[in-house]
C-alpha atoms as a PDB file:
ATOM      1  CA  UNK A   1     -35.209 -12.861  35.007  1.00  0.00           C
ATOM      2  CA  UNK A   2     -34.464  -9.405  36.579  1.00  0.00           C
ATOM      3  CA  UNK A   3     -30.609  -8.726  38.082  1.00  0.00           C
ATOM      4  CA  UNK A   4     -29.990  -5.793  39.818  1.00  0.00           C
ATOM      5  CA  UNK A   5     -27.035  -4.272  37.753  1.00  0.00           C
ATOM      6  CA  UNK A   6     -26.396  -0.666  39.578  1.00  0.00           C
ATOM      7  CA  UNK A   7     -27.603   1.671  42.342  1.00  0.00           C
ATOM      8  CA  UNK A   8     -27.711   5.643  41.366  1.00  0.00           C
ATOM      9  CA  UNK A   9     -25.632   7.607  43.186  1.00  0.00           C
ATOM     10  CA  UNK A  10     -25.233  11.377  43.460  1.00  0.00           C
ATOM     11  CA  UNK A  11     -25.827  13.774  40.812  1.00  0.00           C
ATOM     12  CA  UNK A  12     -22.738  14.899  39.041  1.00  0.00           C
ATOM     13  CA  UNK A  13     -22.566  18.387  37.357  1.00  0.00           C
ATOM     14  CA  UNK A  14     -25.692  20.305  36.561  1.00  0.00           C
ATOM     15  CA  UNK A  15     -26.582  18.370  33.184  1.00  0.00           C
ATOM     16  CA  UNK A  16     -28.417  15.631  34.574  1.00  0.00           C
ATOM     17  CA  UNK A  17     -25.774  12.872  34.753  1.00  0.00           C
ATOM     18  CA  UNK A  18     -25.385  10.613  37.977  1.00  0.00           C
ATOM     19  CA  UNK A  19     -22.791   8.485  39.517  1.00  0.00           C
ATOM     20  CA  UNK A  20     -23.456   4.615  39.675  1.00  0.00           C
ATOM     21  CA  UNK A  21     -22.499   1.848  41.864  1.00  0.00           C
ATOM     22  CA  UNK A  22     -22.060  -1.005  39.084  1.00  0.00           C
ATOM     23  CA  UNK A  23     -23.361  -4.369  40.310  1.00  0.00           C
ATOM     24  CA  UNK A  24     -22.675  -6.557  37.334  1.00  0.00           C
ATOM     25  CA  UNK A  25     -19.528  -7.677  36.090  1.00  0.00           C
ATOM     26  CA  UNK A  26     -20.690  -6.957  32.401  1.00  0.00           C
ATOM     27  CA  UNK A  27     -21.271  -2.893  32.699  1.00  0.00           C
ATOM     28  CA  UNK A  28     -20.835  -2.531  28.957  1.00  0.00           C
ATOM     29  CA  UNK A  29     -23.253  -4.978  27.990  1.00  0.00           C
ATOM     30  CA  UNK A  30     -25.970  -3.834  30.823  1.00  0.00           C
ATOM     31  CA  UNK A  31     -25.368  -0.195  30.973  1.00  0.00           C
ATOM     32  CA  UNK A  32     -24.593   0.934  27.331  1.00  0.00           C
ATOM     33  CA  UNK A  33     -26.550   3.754  25.378  1.00  0.00           C
ATOM     34  CA  UNK A  34     -30.000   2.801  24.945  1.00  0.00           C
ATOM     35  CA  UNK A  35     -30.448   0.098  27.526  1.00  0.00           C
ATOM     36  CA  UNK A  36     -33.810   0.515  29.063  1.00  0.00           C
ATOM     37  CA  UNK A  37     -33.822  -0.607  32.638  1.00  0.00           C
ATOM     38  CA  UNK A  38     -36.462  -1.470  35.340  1.00  0.00           C
ATOM     39  CA  UNK A  39     -36.184   0.232  38.545  1.00  0.00           C
ATOM     40  CA  UNK A  40     -36.696  -0.405  42.492  1.00  0.00           C
ATOM     41  CA  UNK A  41     -39.040   1.227  43.287  1.00  0.00           C
ATOM     42  CA  UNK A  42     -40.935   0.525  40.006  1.00  0.00           C
ATOM     43  CA  UNK A  43     -42.529   4.053  40.050  1.00  0.00           C
ATOM     44  CA  UNK A  44     -39.194   5.395  39.215  1.00  0.00           C
ATOM     45  CA  UNK A  45     -38.678   3.804  36.024  1.00  0.00           C
ATOM     46  CA  UNK A  46     -38.358   2.485  33.400  1.00  0.00           C
ATOM     47  CA  UNK A  47     -35.261   4.326  32.555  1.00  0.00           C
ATOM     48  CA  UNK A  48     -33.555   4.409  29.195  1.00  0.00           C
ATOM     49  CA  UNK A  49     -29.638   5.207  29.402  1.00  0.00           C
ATOM     50  CA  UNK A  50     -28.932   8.209  26.971  1.00  0.00           C
ATOM     51  CA  UNK A  51     -25.096   8.329  27.637  1.00  0.00           C
ATOM     52  CA  UNK A  52     -22.451   7.045  29.645  1.00  0.00           C
ATOM     53  CA  UNK A  53     -18.862   7.751  30.209  1.00  0.00           C
ATOM     54  CA  UNK A  54     -16.122   7.060  33.035  1.00  0.00           C
ATOM     55  CA  UNK A  55     -14.852  10.330  35.075  1.00  0.00           C
ATOM     56  CA  UNK A  56     -12.027   9.737  37.634  1.00  0.00           C
ATOM     57  CA  UNK A  57     -12.511   6.002  37.872  1.00  0.00           C
ATOM     58  CA  UNK A  58     -16.540   6.368  38.113  1.00  0.00           C
ATOM     59  CA  UNK A  59     -19.010   5.406  35.729  1.00  0.00           C
ATOM     60  CA  UNK A  60     -21.454   8.390  34.812  1.00  0.00           C
ATOM     61  CA  UNK A  61     -24.709   8.085  33.334  1.00  0.00           C
ATOM     62  CA  UNK A  62     -27.386  10.257  31.715  1.00  0.00           C
ATOM     63  CA  UNK A  63     -31.143   9.079  31.552  1.00  0.00           C
ATOM     64  CA  UNK A  64     -33.175  10.234  28.660  1.00  0.00           C
ATOM     65  CA  UNK A  65     -35.519  13.094  30.160  1.00  0.00           C
ATOM     66  CA  UNK A  66     -33.219  13.965  32.989  1.00  0.00           C
ATOM     67  CA  UNK A  67     -32.064  17.336  32.248  1.00  0.00           C
ATOM     68  CA  UNK A  68     -30.878  18.911  35.007  1.00  0.00           C
ATOM     69  CA  UNK A  69     -29.343  18.445  38.507  1.00  0.00           C
ATOM     70  CA  UNK A  70     -32.602  18.415  40.536  1.00  0.00           C
ATOM     71  CA  UNK A  71     -33.831  15.652  38.405  1.00  0.00           C
ATOM     72  CA  UNK A  72     -30.515  13.578  38.638  1.00  0.00           C
ATOM     73  CA  UNK A  73     -30.480  13.984  42.559  1.00  0.00           C
ATOM     74  CA  UNK A  74     -34.426  12.870  42.674  1.00  0.00           C
ATOM     75  CA  UNK A  75     -33.064   9.346  41.052  1.00  0.00           C
ATOM     76  CA  UNK A  76     -30.633   8.820  44.030  1.00  0.00           C
ATOM     77  CA  UNK A  77     -30.270   5.470  45.629  1.00  0.00           C
ATOM     78  CA  UNK A  78     -32.752   3.930  42.985  1.00  0.00           C
ATOM     79  CA  UNK A  79     -31.724   0.353  41.653  1.00  0.00           C
ATOM     80  CA  UNK A  80     -31.525  -0.451  38.024  1.00  0.00           C
ATOM     81  CA  UNK A  81     -32.400  -3.694  37.207  1.00  0.00           C
ATOM     82  CA  UNK A  82     -31.803  -5.497  33.768  1.00  0.00           C
ATOM     83  CA  UNK A  83     -34.218  -8.285  32.257  1.00  0.00           C
ATOM     84  CA  UNK A  84     -31.778 -11.239  31.799  1.00  0.00           C
ATOM     85  CA  UNK A  85     -32.570 -14.475  30.203  1.00  0.00           C
ATOM     86  CA  UNK A  86     -32.416 -17.170  32.886  1.00  0.00           C
ATOM     87  CA  UNK A  87     -29.929 -19.539  30.409  1.00  0.00           C
ATOM     88  CA  UNK A  88     -27.748 -16.991  29.386  1.00  0.00           C
ATOM     89  CA  UNK A  89     -24.447 -17.525  30.797  1.00  0.00           C
ATOM     90  CA  UNK A  90     -21.170 -15.103  31.664  1.00  0.00           C
ATOM     91  CA  UNK A  91     -18.870 -14.930  28.881  1.00  0.00           C
ATOM     92  CA  UNK A  92     -16.046 -15.758  31.492  1.00  0.00           C
ATOM     93  CA  UNK A  93     -16.345 -19.226  33.013  1.00  0.00           C
ATOM     94  CA  UNK A  94     -14.949 -18.016  36.088  1.00  0.00           C
ATOM     95  CA  UNK A  95     -17.905 -15.571  36.497  1.00  0.00           C
ATOM     96  CA  UNK A  96     -21.633 -16.350  37.948  1.00  0.00           C
ATOM     97  CA  UNK A  97     -24.788 -14.496  38.051  1.00  0.00           C
ATOM     98  CA  UNK A  98     -26.234 -14.713  41.491  1.00  0.00           C
ATOM     99  CA  UNK A  99     -29.065 -16.798  40.571  1.00  0.00           C
ATOM    100  CA  UNK A 100     -26.627 -19.566  39.484  1.00  0.00           C
ATOM    101  CA  UNK A 101     -25.290 -19.434  42.946  1.00  0.00           C
ATOM    102  CA  UNK A 102     -28.150 -19.313  45.041  1.00  0.00           C
ATOM    103  CA  UNK A 103     -29.149 -22.867  46.668  1.00  0.00           C
ATOM    104  CA  UNK A 104     -25.887 -24.707  45.816  1.00  0.00           C
ATOM    105  CA  UNK A 105     -24.802 -26.973  48.456  1.00  0.00           C
ATOM    106  CA  UNK A 106     -21.497 -25.835  49.811  1.00  0.00           C
ATOM    107  CA  UNK A 107     -18.794 -28.697  50.922  1.00  0.00           C
ATOM    108  CA  UNK A 108     -15.505 -28.667  51.887  1.00  0.00           C
ATOM    109  CA  UNK A 109     -12.686 -30.244  49.803  1.00  0.00           C
ATOM    110  CA  UNK A 110     -13.068 -33.463  51.890  1.00  0.00           C
ATOM    111  CA  UNK A 111     -16.661 -33.613  51.347  1.00  0.00           C
ATOM    112  CA  UNK A 112     -17.779 -32.262  54.865  1.00  0.00           C
ATOM    113  CA  UNK A 113     -21.573 -30.548  54.473  1.00  0.00           C
ATOM    114  CA  UNK A 114     -21.085 -26.992  55.394  1.00  0.00           C
ATOM    115  CA  UNK A 115     -24.690 -25.928  54.148  1.00  0.00           C
ATOM    116  CA  UNK A 116     -26.490 -23.925  51.343  1.00  0.00           C
ATOM    117  CA  UNK A 117     -25.979 -20.736  49.783  1.00  0.00           C
ATOM    118  CA  UNK A 118     -28.696 -18.526  50.695  1.00  0.00           C
ATOM    119  CA  UNK A 119     -27.609 -15.022  49.251  1.00  0.00           C
ATOM    120  CA  UNK A 120     -24.560 -13.237  47.564  1.00  0.00           C
ATOM    121  CA  UNK A 121     -23.531 -10.080  49.254  1.00  0.00           C
ATOM    122  CA  UNK A 122     -21.909  -7.725  46.823  1.00  0.00           C
ATOM    123  CA  UNK A 123     -19.082  -5.669  48.945  1.00  0.00           C
ATOM    124  CA  UNK A 124     -16.723  -3.014  47.647  1.00  0.00           C
ATOM    125  CA  UNK A 125     -13.842  -5.211  47.554  1.00  0.00           C
ATOM    126  CA  UNK A 126     -15.041  -8.696  47.008  1.00  0.00           C
ATOM    127  CA  UNK A 127     -18.298 -10.604  47.235  1.00  0.00           C
ATOM    128  CA  UNK A 128     -19.241 -13.087  49.966  1.00  0.00           C
ATOM    129  CA  UNK A 129     -21.465 -16.157  50.094  1.00  0.00           C
ATOM    130  CA  UNK A 130     -23.980 -16.142  52.586  1.00  0.00           C
ATOM    131  CA  UNK A 131     -24.267 -19.656  53.639  1.00  0.00           C
ATOM    132  CA  UNK A 132     -27.266 -21.394  55.942  1.00  0.00           C
ATOM    133  CA  UNK A 133     -25.872 -24.006  58.067  1.00  0.00           C
ATOM    134  CA  UNK A 134     -27.950 -26.999  59.002  1.00  0.00           C
ATOM    135  CA  UNK A 135     -28.345 -25.937  62.441  1.00  0.00           C
ATOM    136  CA  UNK A 136     -29.948 -22.648  61.466  1.00  0.00           C
ATOM    137  CA  UNK A 137     -26.702 -20.533  61.790  1.00  0.00           C
ATOM    138  CA  UNK A 138     -24.934 -18.400  58.878  1.00  0.00           C
ATOM    139  CA  UNK A 139     -21.480 -18.397  57.703  1.00  0.00           C
ATOM    140  CA  UNK A 140     -19.972 -15.623  55.270  1.00  0.00           C
ATOM    141  CA  UNK A 141     -17.379 -17.212  52.737  1.00  0.00           C
ATOM    142  CA  UNK A 142     -15.104 -14.902  50.753  1.00  0.00           C
ATOM    143  CA  UNK A 143     -15.980 -15.576  47.235  1.00  0.00           C
ATOM    144  CA  UNK A 144     -12.437 -15.902  45.977  1.00  0.00           C
ATOM    145  CA  UNK A 145     -10.928 -18.764  44.022  1.00  0.00           C
ATOM    146  CA  UNK A 146      -8.332 -19.470  46.942  1.00  0.00           C
ATOM    147  CA  UNK A 147     -11.222 -20.076  49.391  1.00  0.00           C
ATOM    148  CA  UNK A 148     -13.897 -21.535  46.716  1.00  0.00           C
ATOM    149  CA  UNK A 149     -11.976 -23.391  44.243  1.00  0.00           C
ATOM    150  CA  UNK A 150     -14.894 -25.150  42.233  1.00  0.00           C
ATOM    151  CA  UNK A 151     -18.622 -24.332  41.617  1.00  0.00           C
ATOM    152  CA  UNK A 152     -19.902 -27.130  40.140  1.00  0.00           C
ATOM    153  CA  UNK A 153     -23.463 -26.325  38.498  1.00  0.00           C
ATOM    154  CA  UNK A 154     -24.288 -29.576  37.130  1.00  0.00           C
ATOM    155  CA  UNK A 155     -23.986 -31.162  40.553  1.00  0.00           C
ATOM    156  CA  UNK A 156     -25.418 -28.066  42.281  1.00  0.00           C
ATOM    157  CA  UNK A 157     -22.757 -27.674  44.773  1.00  0.00           C
ATOM    158  CA  UNK A 158     -19.716 -25.171  45.533  1.00  0.00           C
ATOM    159  CA  UNK A 159     -16.616 -26.707  46.980  1.00  0.00           C
ATOM    160  CA  UNK A 160     -14.410 -24.676  49.519  1.00  0.00           C
ATOM    161  CA  UNK A 161     -11.100 -24.875  50.975  1.00  0.00           C
ATOM    162  CA  UNK A 162     -11.682 -22.643  54.428  1.00  0.00           C
ATOM    163  CA  UNK A 163      -8.738 -21.414  56.165  1.00  0.00           C
ATOM    164  CA  UNK A 164      -8.734 -22.108  59.782  1.00  0.00           C
ATOM    165  CA  UNK A 165     -11.443 -20.544  61.849  1.00  0.00           C
ATOM    166  CA  UNK A 166     -13.785 -19.755  58.954  1.00  0.00           C
ATOM    167  CA  UNK A 167     -15.980 -22.321  59.706  1.00  0.00           C
ATOM    168  CA  UNK A 168     -15.271 -23.045  63.245  1.00  0.00           C
ATOM    169  CA  UNK A 169     -13.748 -20.290  65.571  1.00  0.00           C
ATOM    170  CA  UNK A 170     -11.840 -22.652  67.921  1.00  0.00           C
ATOM    171  CA  UNK A 171      -9.533 -23.546  64.984  1.00  0.00           C
ATOM    172  CA  UNK A 172      -8.487 -20.157  64.274  1.00  0.00           C
ATOM    173  CA  UNK A 173      -5.231 -18.847  64.492  1.00  0.00           C
ATOM    174  CA  UNK A 174      -4.276 -15.776  66.284  1.00  0.00           C
ATOM    175  CA  UNK A 175      -2.420 -13.277  64.113  1.00  0.00           C
ATOM    176  CA  UNK A 176       0.946 -12.342  65.661  1.00  0.00           C
ATOM    177  CA  UNK A 177       1.277 -14.872  68.321  1.00  0.00           C
ATOM    178  CA  UNK A 178       4.297 -17.009  68.272  1.00  0.00           C
ATOM    179  CA  UNK A 179       5.711 -19.766  70.669  1.00  0.00           C
ATOM    180  CA  UNK A 180       9.376 -19.380  71.796  1.00  0.00           C
ATOM    181  CA  UNK A 181      11.606 -22.600  72.226  1.00  0.00           C
ATOM    182  CA  UNK A 182      10.259 -23.116  75.658  1.00  0.00           C
ATOM    183  CA  UNK A 183       6.541 -22.942  74.625  1.00  0.00           C
ATOM    184  CA  UNK A 184       5.732 -19.569  76.026  1.00  0.00           C
ATOM    185  CA  UNK A 185       3.806 -16.986  73.770  1.00  0.00           C
ATOM    186  CA  UNK A 186       5.818 -14.376  72.401  1.00  0.00           C
ATOM    187  CA  UNK A 187       4.226 -11.238  70.745  1.00  0.00           C
ATOM    188  CA  UNK A 188       3.781  -7.615  71.049  1.00  0.00           C
ATOM    189  CA  UNK A 189       2.063  -6.184  74.321  1.00  0.00           C
END
């Protein structure tokens, strides 16, 4: 099975290094020297990692055969794809691969059916579960332990404890609005 593990960013320096946007929780395993990665588009690869280092908080990689800035810049925005055994599980029991989560049924802690996970959206600060509702709509669920307290792979379900307004906008609490003793709204205007 193939997993996207990184996206190549801009060239760094003049010797063929590139920045990468890491999309795996296991970069040391997937993006180490000697790793051979498929690419999207496929015509750009496969690419073999020659070396890697962290510079100013960013991972820099150099690929075999990429020796200058022009060759490195030509790789910009290419996705790096690792071949992974579908039975393999992440080392941390609190981590999951995208393929383990896709198609899980989503229910609230009280058992109310919400929908089914159709996609995982990886954003810079957190991941979102894209859940298809039975009515055809979608809802985005922050993939954090406070909102998704349980993933049960045997039962093929994700249990969520959504804050007010996440599933039904009518339940949303307006931030900053309070009522005084007379029941009137008090707030900044």
